[in-house]
Amino acid sequence: MLFEPPKPVLEYLGRLHVELTAPVWELGETSNLGRRRIIPITGGTFEGPAFRGKILDSGADWQVVTQDGVAIIDTRYLLQTDDDQYVYLQTKGFRFGPPEVMERVAQGESVDPAQYHFRITMQFETGAKKYEYLNRHVGVGCAMRLGREVVYDAYLLK
């Protein structure tokens, strides 16, 4: 073959601290897929080499938990950069691990993230010229749930 697909390169975007301080809405079993719950995103911060600011009280995780305990992540929320620009962020991913570990996470314990899997993809939208490069890149993140917040490191897939 003349060509090979490019190899992925990760560029560090920053660390996000997503606050989850409001009550969770449990909708129950809404389909054969599992239990739907909505977890409001109530604030937070993000900071990286060229990208920092706050997470607005503006979104949620529309999560489904399957029969075997896999949390299917589907968040949508709004970032406000320190130079007063807005970036819409949607993440999708999975969180799972041994049942006893996931029970501790569900109870709000801070559990070593090496004991479970929590990975996301990220898609951005913004009209801000300075950050328009985000509109054309997929992000990935490795996350951990620590009590009433999710913390993750975000990378752009180049």
N, C-alpha and C. Protein backbone atom coordinates (compact mmCIF):
# COMPACT_ATOMS: atom_id res chain seq x y z
N MET A 1 0.85 -1.18 0.00
CA MET A 1 0.00 0.00 0.00
C MET A 1 0.90 1.24 0.00
N LEU A 2 0.51 2.22 -0.75
CA LEU A 2 1.28 3.44 -0.92
C LEU A 2 1.23 4.35 0.32
N PHE A 3 0.06 4.41 0.97
CA PHE A 3 -0.12 5.30 2.12
C PHE A 3 -0.56 4.50 3.34
N GLU A 4 -0.32 5.08 4.51
CA GLU A 4 -0.78 4.53 5.79
C GLU A 4 -1.65 5.58 6.48
N PRO A 5 -2.66 5.17 7.21
CA PRO A 5 -3.42 6.15 7.98
C PRO A 5 -2.50 6.85 8.98
N PRO A 6 -2.77 8.12 9.25
CA PRO A 6 -1.93 8.83 10.22
C PRO A 6 -2.08 8.23 11.62
N LYS A 7 -1.03 8.32 12.40
CA LYS A 7 -1.05 7.86 13.79
C LYS A 7 -1.61 8.99 14.66
N PRO A 8 -2.43 8.65 15.64
CA PRO A 8 -2.99 9.70 16.49
C PRO A 8 -1.92 10.34 17.37
N VAL A 9 -2.09 11.63 17.58
CA VAL A 9 -1.24 12.40 18.48
C VAL A 9 -2.17 13.14 19.43
N LEU A 10 -1.86 13.12 20.70
CA LEU A 10 -2.66 13.82 21.69
C LEU A 10 -1.97 15.10 22.12
N GLU A 11 -2.74 16.20 22.11
CA GLU A 11 -2.24 17.49 22.58
C GLU A 11 -3.03 17.87 23.83
N TYR A 12 -2.33 18.09 24.92
CA TYR A 12 -2.99 18.41 26.19
C TYR A 12 -3.77 19.71 26.07
N LEU A 13 -5.06 19.64 26.40
CA LEU A 13 -5.92 20.81 26.36
C LEU A 13 -6.08 21.43 27.74
N GLY A 14 -6.26 20.58 28.76
CA GLY A 14 -6.42 21.12 30.10
C GLY A 14 -7.12 20.16 31.03
N ARG A 15 -7.25 20.59 32.27
CA ARG A 15 -7.96 19.81 33.30
C ARG A 15 -9.28 20.51 33.61
N LEU A 16 -10.34 19.72 33.63
CA LEU A 16 -11.67 20.22 33.94
C LEU A 16 -12.12 19.67 35.28
N HIS A 17 -12.69 20.55 36.09
CA HIS A 17 -13.32 20.18 37.37
C HIS A 17 -14.81 20.51 37.20
N VAL A 18 -15.64 19.50 37.08
CA VAL A 18 -17.06 19.66 36.81
C VAL A 18 -17.84 19.40 38.10
N GLU A 19 -18.51 20.43 38.60
CA GLU A 19 -19.25 20.33 39.86
C GLU A 19 -20.63 19.72 39.63
N LEU A 20 -21.01 18.81 40.54
CA LEU A 20 -22.29 18.10 40.47
C LEU A 20 -22.97 18.21 41.84
N THR A 21 -23.31 19.43 42.24
CA THR A 21 -23.78 19.65 43.61
C THR A 21 -25.29 19.60 43.77
N ALA A 22 -26.04 19.57 42.66
CA ALA A 22 -27.51 19.52 42.75
C ALA A 22 -27.99 18.08 42.87
N PRO A 23 -29.21 17.88 43.34
CA PRO A 23 -29.76 16.53 43.41
C PRO A 23 -29.85 15.89 42.02
N VAL A 24 -29.70 14.58 41.98
CA VAL A 24 -29.82 13.81 40.75
C VAL A 24 -31.29 13.46 40.54
N TRP A 25 -31.75 13.55 39.28
CA TRP A 25 -33.12 13.15 38.95
C TRP A 25 -33.07 11.71 38.43
N GLU A 26 -33.68 10.79 39.16
CA GLU A 26 -33.74 9.38 38.78
C GLU A 26 -35.06 9.13 38.06
N LEU A 27 -34.99 8.82 36.77
CA LEU A 27 -36.20 8.56 36.00
C LEU A 27 -36.59 7.09 36.02
N GLY A 28 -35.65 6.23 36.40
CA GLY A 28 -35.92 4.80 36.45
C GLY A 28 -35.65 4.13 35.11
N GLU A 29 -36.17 2.91 34.99
CA GLU A 29 -35.97 2.11 33.78
C GLU A 29 -36.87 2.68 32.67
N THR A 30 -36.25 3.34 31.70
CA THR A 30 -37.03 3.98 30.64
C THR A 30 -36.97 3.21 29.33
N SER A 31 -36.09 2.23 29.24
CA SER A 31 -35.97 1.41 28.03
C SER A 31 -35.26 0.11 28.41
N ASN A 32 -35.13 -0.78 27.44
CA ASN A 32 -34.39 -2.02 27.68
C ASN A 32 -32.91 -1.75 27.90
N LEU A 33 -32.45 -0.57 27.53
CA LEU A 33 -31.04 -0.23 27.72
C LEU A 33 -30.69 -0.11 29.20
N GLY A 34 -31.59 0.54 29.99
CA GLY A 34 -31.29 0.68 31.41
C GLY A 34 -32.03 1.81 32.08
N ARG A 35 -31.45 2.26 33.21
CA ARG A 35 -32.04 3.31 34.04
C ARG A 35 -31.51 4.68 33.61
N ARG A 36 -32.42 5.59 33.37
CA ARG A 36 -32.06 6.96 32.99
C ARG A 36 -31.98 7.80 34.25
N ARG A 37 -30.91 8.60 34.31
CA ARG A 37 -30.80 9.60 35.37
C ARG A 37 -30.19 10.85 34.78
N ILE A 38 -30.59 11.97 35.33
CA ILE A 38 -30.08 13.26 34.86
C ILE A 38 -29.33 13.89 36.03
N ILE A 39 -28.06 14.20 35.77
CA ILE A 39 -27.18 14.75 36.79
C ILE A 39 -26.84 16.19 36.40
N PRO A 40 -27.42 17.18 37.08
CA PRO A 40 -27.14 18.57 36.72
C PRO A 40 -25.66 18.94 36.91
N ILE A 41 -25.16 19.70 35.97
CA ILE A 41 -23.80 20.26 36.07
C ILE A 41 -23.97 21.68 36.59
N THR A 42 -23.42 21.94 37.77
CA THR A 42 -23.71 23.19 38.48
C THR A 42 -22.57 24.20 38.47
N GLY A 43 -21.46 23.89 37.83
CA GLY A 43 -20.35 24.83 37.77
C GLY A 43 -19.05 24.10 37.62
N GLY A 44 -17.97 24.83 37.87
CA GLY A 44 -16.65 24.23 37.82
C GLY A 44 -15.65 25.15 37.14
N THR A 45 -14.49 24.58 36.87
CA THR A 45 -13.40 25.33 36.25
C THR A 45 -12.68 24.45 35.24
N PHE A 46 -11.94 25.10 34.35
CA PHE A 46 -11.04 24.39 33.44
C PHE A 46 -9.81 25.24 33.24
N GLU A 47 -8.67 24.56 33.07
CA GLU A 47 -7.42 25.30 32.88
C GLU A 47 -6.43 24.45 32.11
N GLY A 48 -5.84 25.09 31.11
CA GLY A 48 -4.80 24.46 30.31
C GLY A 48 -3.86 25.52 29.77
N PRO A 49 -2.91 25.12 28.94
CA PRO A 49 -1.91 26.06 28.43
C PRO A 49 -2.48 27.26 27.67
N ALA A 50 -3.58 27.05 26.92
CA ALA A 50 -4.13 28.15 26.12
C ALA A 50 -5.64 28.24 26.23
N PHE A 51 -6.19 27.73 27.32
CA PHE A 51 -7.63 27.56 27.39
C PHE A 51 -8.01 27.44 28.85
N ARG A 52 -8.65 28.47 29.43
CA ARG A 52 -9.03 28.42 30.85
C ARG A 52 -10.27 29.27 31.08
N GLY A 53 -10.97 28.94 32.17
CA GLY A 53 -12.16 29.69 32.52
C GLY A 53 -13.03 28.92 33.48
N LYS A 54 -14.36 29.16 33.37
CA LYS A 54 -15.29 28.50 34.30
C LYS A 54 -16.35 27.72 33.52
N ILE A 55 -16.90 26.74 34.21
CA ILE A 55 -18.01 25.96 33.69
C ILE A 55 -19.28 26.56 34.28
N LEU A 56 -20.20 26.91 33.42
CA LEU A 56 -21.42 27.57 33.87
C LEU A 56 -22.44 26.55 34.38
N ASP A 57 -23.33 27.02 35.23
CA ASP A 57 -24.43 26.22 35.75
C ASP A 57 -25.46 26.12 34.63
N SER A 58 -25.21 25.20 33.67
CA SER A 58 -26.00 25.27 32.43
C SER A 58 -26.26 23.94 31.75
N GLY A 59 -25.91 22.84 32.35
CA GLY A 59 -26.06 21.60 31.62
C GLY A 59 -26.26 20.42 32.54
N ALA A 60 -26.10 19.23 31.96
CA ALA A 60 -26.31 18.01 32.73
C ALA A 60 -25.70 16.83 32.00
N ASP A 61 -25.65 15.72 32.71
CA ASP A 61 -25.31 14.43 32.14
C ASP A 61 -26.62 13.65 32.04
N TRP A 62 -27.04 13.36 30.82
CA TRP A 62 -28.25 12.59 30.56
C TRP A 62 -27.82 11.13 30.47
N GLN A 63 -27.54 10.55 31.59
CA GLN A 63 -26.85 9.27 31.71
C GLN A 63 -27.84 8.10 31.74
N VAL A 64 -27.40 6.99 31.15
CA VAL A 64 -28.12 5.72 31.26
C VAL A 64 -27.18 4.73 31.92
N VAL A 65 -27.71 3.96 32.89
CA VAL A 65 -26.94 2.91 33.53
C VAL A 65 -27.54 1.57 33.11
N THR A 66 -26.73 0.75 32.47
CA THR A 66 -27.20 -0.53 31.95
C THR A 66 -27.38 -1.55 33.07
N GLN A 67 -28.02 -2.68 32.72
CA GLN A 67 -28.25 -3.74 33.69
C GLN A 67 -26.96 -4.24 34.33
N ASP A 68 -25.85 -4.22 33.56
CA ASP A 68 -24.58 -4.70 34.11
C ASP A 68 -23.73 -3.60 34.71
N GLY A 69 -24.33 -2.41 34.94
CA GLY A 69 -23.66 -1.36 35.68
C GLY A 69 -22.80 -0.40 34.89
N VAL A 70 -22.86 -0.44 33.57
CA VAL A 70 -22.10 0.50 32.76
C VAL A 70 -22.85 1.82 32.69
N ALA A 71 -22.20 2.91 33.07
CA ALA A 71 -22.79 4.25 32.93
C ALA A 71 -22.43 4.79 31.55
N ILE A 72 -23.46 5.06 30.75
CA ILE A 72 -23.26 5.64 29.42
C ILE A 72 -23.38 7.15 29.58
N ILE A 73 -22.26 7.83 29.41
CA ILE A 73 -22.16 9.26 29.67
C ILE A 73 -22.63 10.04 28.44
N ASP A 74 -23.44 11.09 28.67
CA ASP A 74 -23.91 11.97 27.59
C ASP A 74 -24.13 13.36 28.19
N THR A 75 -23.05 14.15 28.25
CA THR A 75 -23.16 15.48 28.87
C THR A 75 -23.22 16.57 27.82
N ARG A 76 -23.81 17.67 28.24
CA ARG A 76 -23.84 18.90 27.44
C ARG A 76 -23.78 20.06 28.41
N TYR A 77 -22.80 20.94 28.20
CA TYR A 77 -22.69 22.10 29.09
C TYR A 77 -21.90 23.21 28.43
N LEU A 78 -21.80 24.34 29.12
CA LEU A 78 -21.23 25.55 28.54
C LEU A 78 -20.02 26.01 29.34
N LEU A 79 -18.94 26.28 28.60
CA LEU A 79 -17.73 26.84 29.18
C LEU A 79 -17.70 28.34 28.88
N GLN A 80 -17.19 29.12 29.83
CA GLN A 80 -16.93 30.55 29.61
C GLN A 80 -15.45 30.76 29.85
N THR A 81 -14.73 31.17 28.81
CA THR A 81 -13.28 31.35 28.92
C THR A 81 -12.96 32.60 29.73
N ASP A 82 -11.72 32.69 30.18
CA ASP A 82 -11.32 33.85 30.99
C ASP A 82 -11.29 35.14 30.18
N ASP A 83 -11.37 35.04 28.84
CA ASP A 83 -11.49 36.24 28.01
C ASP A 83 -12.92 36.43 27.50
N ASP A 84 -13.88 35.84 28.24
CA ASP A 84 -15.31 36.06 28.07
C ASP A 84 -15.88 35.52 26.76
N GLN A 85 -15.40 34.37 26.32
CA GLN A 85 -15.97 33.70 25.16
C GLN A 85 -16.69 32.44 25.62
N TYR A 86 -17.62 31.97 24.82
CA TYR A 86 -18.40 30.78 25.18
C TYR A 86 -18.06 29.61 24.28
N VAL A 87 -17.98 28.43 24.89
CA VAL A 87 -17.70 27.20 24.17
C VAL A 87 -18.69 26.14 24.67
N TYR A 88 -19.50 25.63 23.75
CA TYR A 88 -20.42 24.54 24.06
C TYR A 88 -19.63 23.24 24.00
N LEU A 89 -19.85 22.36 24.98
CA LEU A 89 -19.12 21.10 25.05
C LEU A 89 -20.11 19.96 25.22
N GLN A 90 -19.94 18.93 24.40
CA GLN A 90 -20.70 17.69 24.56
C GLN A 90 -19.71 16.56 24.73
N THR A 91 -19.94 15.72 25.74
CA THR A 91 -19.08 14.55 25.93
C THR A 91 -19.94 13.29 25.85
N LYS A 92 -19.30 12.22 25.40
CA LYS A 92 -19.92 10.89 25.37
C LYS A 92 -18.86 9.90 25.81
N GLY A 93 -19.28 8.91 26.56
CA GLY A 93 -18.30 7.92 27.00
C GLY A 93 -18.90 6.87 27.90
N PHE A 94 -18.01 6.19 28.63
CA PHE A 94 -18.41 5.07 29.48
C PHE A 94 -17.66 5.11 30.81
N ARG A 95 -18.38 4.72 31.86
CA ARG A 95 -17.76 4.52 33.16
C ARG A 95 -18.21 3.15 33.67
N PHE A 96 -17.24 2.30 34.02
CA PHE A 96 -17.58 0.97 34.52
C PHE A 96 -16.42 0.41 35.32
N GLY A 97 -16.72 -0.61 36.08
CA GLY A 97 -15.71 -1.28 36.88
C GLY A 97 -16.35 -2.38 37.71
N PRO A 98 -15.58 -2.99 38.60
CA PRO A 98 -16.14 -4.02 39.47
C PRO A 98 -17.32 -3.45 40.27
N PRO A 99 -18.37 -4.25 40.45
CA PRO A 99 -19.58 -3.75 41.14
C PRO A 99 -19.29 -3.12 42.50
N GLU A 100 -18.39 -3.71 43.30
CA GLU A 100 -18.12 -3.15 44.62
C GLU A 100 -17.43 -1.78 44.52
N VAL A 101 -16.62 -1.58 43.50
CA VAL A 101 -15.96 -0.29 43.29
C VAL A 101 -16.98 0.74 42.82
N MET A 102 -17.83 0.35 41.88
CA MET A 102 -18.82 1.29 41.36
C MET A 102 -19.85 1.66 42.43
N GLU A 103 -20.13 0.77 43.36
CA GLU A 103 -21.02 1.08 44.47
C GLU A 103 -20.40 2.16 45.35
N ARG A 104 -19.11 2.07 45.59
CA ARG A 104 -18.41 3.10 46.38
C ARG A 104 -18.44 4.45 45.67
N VAL A 105 -18.23 4.43 44.35
CA VAL A 105 -18.31 5.66 43.55
C VAL A 105 -19.72 6.25 43.65
N ALA A 106 -20.75 5.39 43.51
CA ALA A 106 -22.14 5.84 43.58
C ALA A 106 -22.48 6.43 44.95
N GLN A 107 -21.82 5.96 46.00
CA GLN A 107 -22.06 6.47 47.35
C GLN A 107 -21.34 7.79 47.61
N GLY A 108 -20.58 8.28 46.62
CA GLY A 108 -19.89 9.55 46.76
C GLY A 108 -18.48 9.45 47.30
N GLU A 109 -17.97 8.23 47.47
CA GLU A 109 -16.59 8.07 47.93
C GLU A 109 -15.62 8.51 46.85
N SER A 110 -14.47 9.02 47.25
CA SER A 110 -13.38 9.28 46.31
C SER A 110 -12.59 7.98 46.18
N VAL A 111 -12.70 7.35 45.01
CA VAL A 111 -12.10 6.05 44.74
C VAL A 111 -10.96 6.24 43.75
N ASP A 112 -9.88 5.54 43.96
CA ASP A 112 -8.73 5.58 43.06
C ASP A 112 -9.21 5.27 41.63
N PRO A 113 -9.00 6.19 40.68
CA PRO A 113 -9.49 5.97 39.31
C PRO A 113 -8.82 4.81 38.60
N ALA A 114 -7.75 4.26 39.14
CA ALA A 114 -7.12 3.08 38.55
C ALA A 114 -7.99 1.84 38.78
N GLN A 115 -8.99 1.94 39.66
CA GLN A 115 -9.85 0.80 39.97
C GLN A 115 -11.07 0.69 39.05
N TYR A 116 -11.28 1.69 38.18
CA TYR A 116 -12.41 1.64 37.25
C TYR A 116 -12.03 2.40 35.97
N HIS A 117 -12.86 2.25 34.96
CA HIS A 117 -12.64 2.85 33.64
C HIS A 117 -13.62 4.00 33.46
N PHE A 118 -13.12 5.19 33.09
CA PHE A 118 -13.98 6.35 32.85
C PHE A 118 -13.32 7.16 31.73
N ARG A 119 -13.82 6.99 30.51
CA ARG A 119 -13.25 7.65 29.33
C ARG A 119 -14.36 8.33 28.54
N ILE A 120 -14.00 9.47 27.95
CA ILE A 120 -14.98 10.23 27.17
C ILE A 120 -14.38 10.73 25.87
N THR A 121 -15.28 11.02 24.93
CA THR A 121 -14.92 11.81 23.75
C THR A 121 -15.56 13.18 23.94
N MET A 122 -15.01 14.17 23.26
CA MET A 122 -15.47 15.54 23.43
C MET A 122 -15.68 16.19 22.07
N GLN A 123 -16.77 16.94 21.94
CA GLN A 123 -17.03 17.71 20.73
C GLN A 123 -17.37 19.13 21.15
N PHE A 124 -16.75 20.10 20.48
CA PHE A 124 -16.87 21.51 20.85
C PHE A 124 -17.60 22.29 19.76
N GLU A 125 -18.25 23.38 20.19
CA GLU A 125 -18.81 24.36 19.27
C GLU A 125 -18.59 25.75 19.85
N THR A 126 -18.08 26.65 19.03
CA THR A 126 -17.92 28.04 19.45
C THR A 126 -17.90 28.94 18.23
N GLY A 127 -18.33 30.17 18.42
CA GLY A 127 -18.23 31.18 17.39
C GLY A 127 -17.04 32.10 17.63
N ALA A 128 -16.30 31.87 18.70
CA ALA A 128 -15.15 32.71 19.05
C ALA A 128 -13.98 32.39 18.12
N LYS A 129 -13.49 33.37 17.41
CA LYS A 129 -12.38 33.17 16.46
C LYS A 129 -11.16 32.56 17.13
N LYS A 130 -10.84 33.00 18.32
CA LYS A 130 -9.65 32.52 19.02
C LYS A 130 -9.71 31.01 19.29
N TYR A 131 -10.92 30.49 19.45
CA TYR A 131 -11.08 29.08 19.81
C TYR A 131 -11.73 28.24 18.71
N GLU A 132 -11.85 28.81 17.50
CA GLU A 132 -12.56 28.08 16.44
C GLU A 132 -11.87 26.77 16.05
N TYR A 133 -10.59 26.63 16.35
CA TYR A 133 -9.90 25.36 16.08
C TYR A 133 -10.57 24.20 16.81
N LEU A 134 -11.23 24.49 17.94
CA LEU A 134 -11.93 23.45 18.68
C LEU A 134 -13.08 22.84 17.88
N ASN A 135 -13.69 23.64 17.01
CA ASN A 135 -14.81 23.17 16.20
C ASN A 135 -14.40 22.04 15.25
N ARG A 136 -13.11 21.92 14.97
CA ARG A 136 -12.62 20.97 13.98
C ARG A 136 -11.81 19.83 14.58
N HIS A 137 -11.86 19.68 15.87
CA HIS A 137 -11.09 18.62 16.52
C HIS A 137 -11.97 17.78 17.45
N VAL A 138 -11.63 16.53 17.55
CA VAL A 138 -12.25 15.65 18.53
C VAL A 138 -11.36 15.68 19.77
N GLY A 139 -11.98 15.77 20.92
CA GLY A 139 -11.24 15.69 22.17
C GLY A 139 -11.49 14.34 22.82
N VAL A 140 -10.56 13.94 23.64
CA VAL A 140 -10.71 12.73 24.45
C VAL A 140 -10.31 13.08 25.87
N GLY A 141 -10.88 12.34 26.82
CA GLY A 141 -10.56 12.61 28.20
C GLY A 141 -10.54 11.35 29.03
N CYS A 142 -9.70 11.37 30.05
CA CYS A 142 -9.63 10.33 31.07
C CYS A 142 -10.11 10.97 32.37
N ALA A 143 -11.15 10.37 32.96
CA ALA A 143 -11.86 11.03 34.05
C ALA A 143 -11.85 10.21 35.33
N MET A 144 -12.26 10.90 36.40
CA MET A 144 -12.49 10.25 37.68
C MET A 144 -13.64 10.98 38.36
N ARG A 145 -14.44 10.23 39.10
CA ARG A 145 -15.53 10.80 39.87
C ARG A 145 -15.06 10.90 41.31
N LEU A 146 -15.04 12.11 41.84
CA LEU A 146 -14.58 12.35 43.22
C LEU A 146 -15.71 13.03 43.98
N GLY A 147 -16.50 12.25 44.66
CA GLY A 147 -17.61 12.81 45.43
C GLY A 147 -18.59 13.52 44.53
N ARG A 148 -18.72 14.82 44.69
CA ARG A 148 -19.71 15.61 43.94
C ARG A 148 -19.08 16.37 42.79
N GLU A 149 -18.00 15.81 42.23
CA GLU A 149 -17.41 16.41 41.03
C GLU A 149 -16.77 15.32 40.17
N VAL A 150 -16.66 15.65 38.90
CA VAL A 150 -15.90 14.84 37.95
C VAL A 150 -14.68 15.67 37.56
N VAL A 151 -13.52 15.04 37.58
CA VAL A 151 -12.28 15.70 37.18
C VAL A 151 -11.71 14.90 36.02
N TYR A 152 -11.35 15.62 34.96
CA TYR A 152 -10.73 14.91 33.85
C TYR A 152 -9.71 15.77 33.13
N ASP A 153 -8.73 15.07 32.58
CA ASP A 153 -7.75 15.71 31.70
C ASP A 153 -8.23 15.54 30.27
N ALA A 154 -8.23 16.65 29.52
CA ALA A 154 -8.72 16.66 28.16
C ALA A 154 -7.56 16.83 27.18
N TYR A 155 -7.68 16.14 26.07
CA TYR A 155 -6.67 16.17 25.01
C TYR A 155 -7.36 16.36 23.67
N LEU A 156 -6.73 17.09 22.77
CA LEU A 156 -7.20 17.14 21.40
C LEU A 156 -6.53 16.03 20.63
N LEU A 157 -7.31 15.33 19.83
CA LEU A 157 -6.79 14.26 18.99
C LEU A 157 -6.36 14.91 17.69
N LYS A 158 -5.04 14.93 17.45
CA LYS A 158 -4.49 15.62 16.27
C LYS A 158 -4.18 14.63 15.18
